[in-house]
Each structure stands twice: as structure tokens, then as C-alpha cells.
Amino acid sequence: MDVLEGRNLATSAMLREWKDLLTVKSDKTMAAWDFIRRVGDLAYCMTNSKVEDYGRVIPNVPPRYNFKQVSDQSLCCKIY
């Protein structure tokens, strides 16, 4: 598995789990504002991660990674 595929899978998995919390599919529930905040935090982490390499801090995001595209695919169903 390449880095881009791994990041896409991780993003999708987290978003699907949270989507179920907003519907009747889950025993637990989550307030909509809490869901929005968590998705915002996930987007920030997935698009702004950095790594230190020999004293330099450089971006650690695959060039073709697109959070919006992954989130659109993961949250494709209407949330009621």
C-alpha cells in the first residue's frame, strides 16, 4: 500500500465511523457541532502534517492527497 492510499483509507474510516453517530445506525449519538469540529480537526491533521528530516521540518502530505474528495466519497449519503 502506498502512502496516499493509506491516508485515504484512514480518512474514510474515521469519517464513516463519525457519520454513523449522526444517524440511527449507532447506539451512540453525537451533536452536529461536535461532528463538524471533529471533521475540521481531521482535515487539519491530514492536510497539514509535517515531519522533521535532518533538522528541517517539511510537509508530510502526499502531493495528490485531497481531503475534500475523500470526504465527499465517505459522506456521500444524506445525513438526517
Protein backbone atom coordinates (compact mmCIF):
# COMPACT_ATOMS: atom_id res chain seq x y z
CA MET A 1 0.00 0.00 0.00
CA ASP A 2 1.38 3.41 -0.86
CA VAL A 3 1.23 6.45 1.41
CA LEU A 4 -1.63 8.11 -0.49
CA GLU A 5 -3.80 5.00 -0.36
CA GLY A 6 -3.15 4.61 3.37
CA ARG A 7 -4.06 8.21 4.10
CA ASN A 8 -7.24 7.91 2.02
CA LEU A 9 -8.26 4.71 3.83
CA ALA A 10 -7.63 6.23 7.27
CA THR A 11 -9.63 9.34 6.41
CA SER A 12 -12.54 7.30 5.04
CA ALA A 13 -12.61 5.01 8.06
CA MET A 14 -12.76 7.88 10.53
CA LEU A 15 -15.41 9.77 8.60
CA ARG A 16 -17.67 6.72 8.21
CA GLU A 17 -17.48 5.97 11.92
CA TRP A 18 -18.50 9.53 12.79
CA LYS A 19 -21.25 9.63 10.15
CA ASP A 20 -22.92 6.65 11.81
CA LEU A 21 -23.00 8.58 15.10
CA LEU A 22 -25.30 11.17 13.48
CA THR A 23 -27.81 8.59 12.26
CA VAL A 24 -29.93 5.93 13.88
CA LYS A 25 -27.40 3.25 12.85
CA SER A 26 -25.46 3.67 16.08
CA ASP A 27 -26.29 3.18 19.75
CA LYS A 28 -24.31 6.36 20.47
CA THR A 29 -25.08 9.86 19.24
CA MET A 30 -23.03 12.98 18.55
CA ALA A 31 -24.12 16.59 18.36
CA ALA A 32 -23.83 18.07 14.88
CA TRP A 33 -21.45 20.82 16.05
CA ASP A 34 -19.19 18.24 17.66
CA PHE A 35 -19.18 16.28 14.39
CA ILE A 36 -18.26 19.43 12.42
CA ARG A 37 -15.44 20.25 14.84
CA ARG A 38 -14.04 16.72 14.64
CA VAL A 39 -14.15 16.69 10.83
CA GLY A 40 -12.38 20.07 10.85
CA ASP A 41 -9.70 18.70 13.18
CA LEU A 42 -9.27 15.63 10.98
CA ALA A 43 -8.98 17.78 7.85
CA TYR A 44 -6.35 19.96 9.51
CA CYS A 45 -4.29 16.96 10.67
CA MET A 46 -4.49 15.15 7.35
CA THR A 47 -3.58 18.21 5.25
CA ASN A 48 -1.02 19.94 7.49
CA SER A 49 1.12 17.15 8.94
CA LYS A 50 4.87 17.74 8.98
CA VAL A 51 7.95 15.64 9.69
CA GLU A 52 11.45 16.56 10.82
CA ASP A 53 14.17 15.40 8.44
CA TYR A 54 17.75 16.12 9.50
CA GLY A 55 16.71 19.25 11.38
CA ARG A 56 14.39 20.56 8.67
CA VAL A 57 10.62 20.49 9.11
CA ILE A 58 8.92 19.56 5.85
CA PRO A 59 5.32 18.74 4.83
CA ASN A 60 4.34 15.10 5.16
CA VAL A 61 1.26 15.10 2.93
CA PRO A 62 1.23 13.14 -0.32
CA PRO A 63 1.04 15.59 -3.25
CA ARG A 64 -2.10 14.03 -4.69
CA TYR A 65 -3.99 13.81 -1.37
CA ASN A 66 -7.31 15.65 -1.50
CA PHE A 67 -9.29 15.70 1.76
CA LYS A 68 -12.39 17.15 0.10
CA GLN A 69 -12.51 14.37 -2.47
CA VAL A 70 -12.12 11.65 0.18
CA SER A 71 -14.69 13.24 2.49
CA ASP A 72 -17.20 13.65 -0.37
CA GLN A 73 -16.88 9.92 -1.12
CA SER A 74 -17.13 8.92 2.56
CA LEU A 75 -20.10 11.15 3.37
CA CYS A 76 -21.90 10.56 0.09
CA CYS A 77 -25.19 9.64 1.74
CA LYS A 78 -27.51 12.29 3.13
CA ILE A 79 -27.30 12.65 6.89
CA TYR A 80 -30.67 13.14 8.52
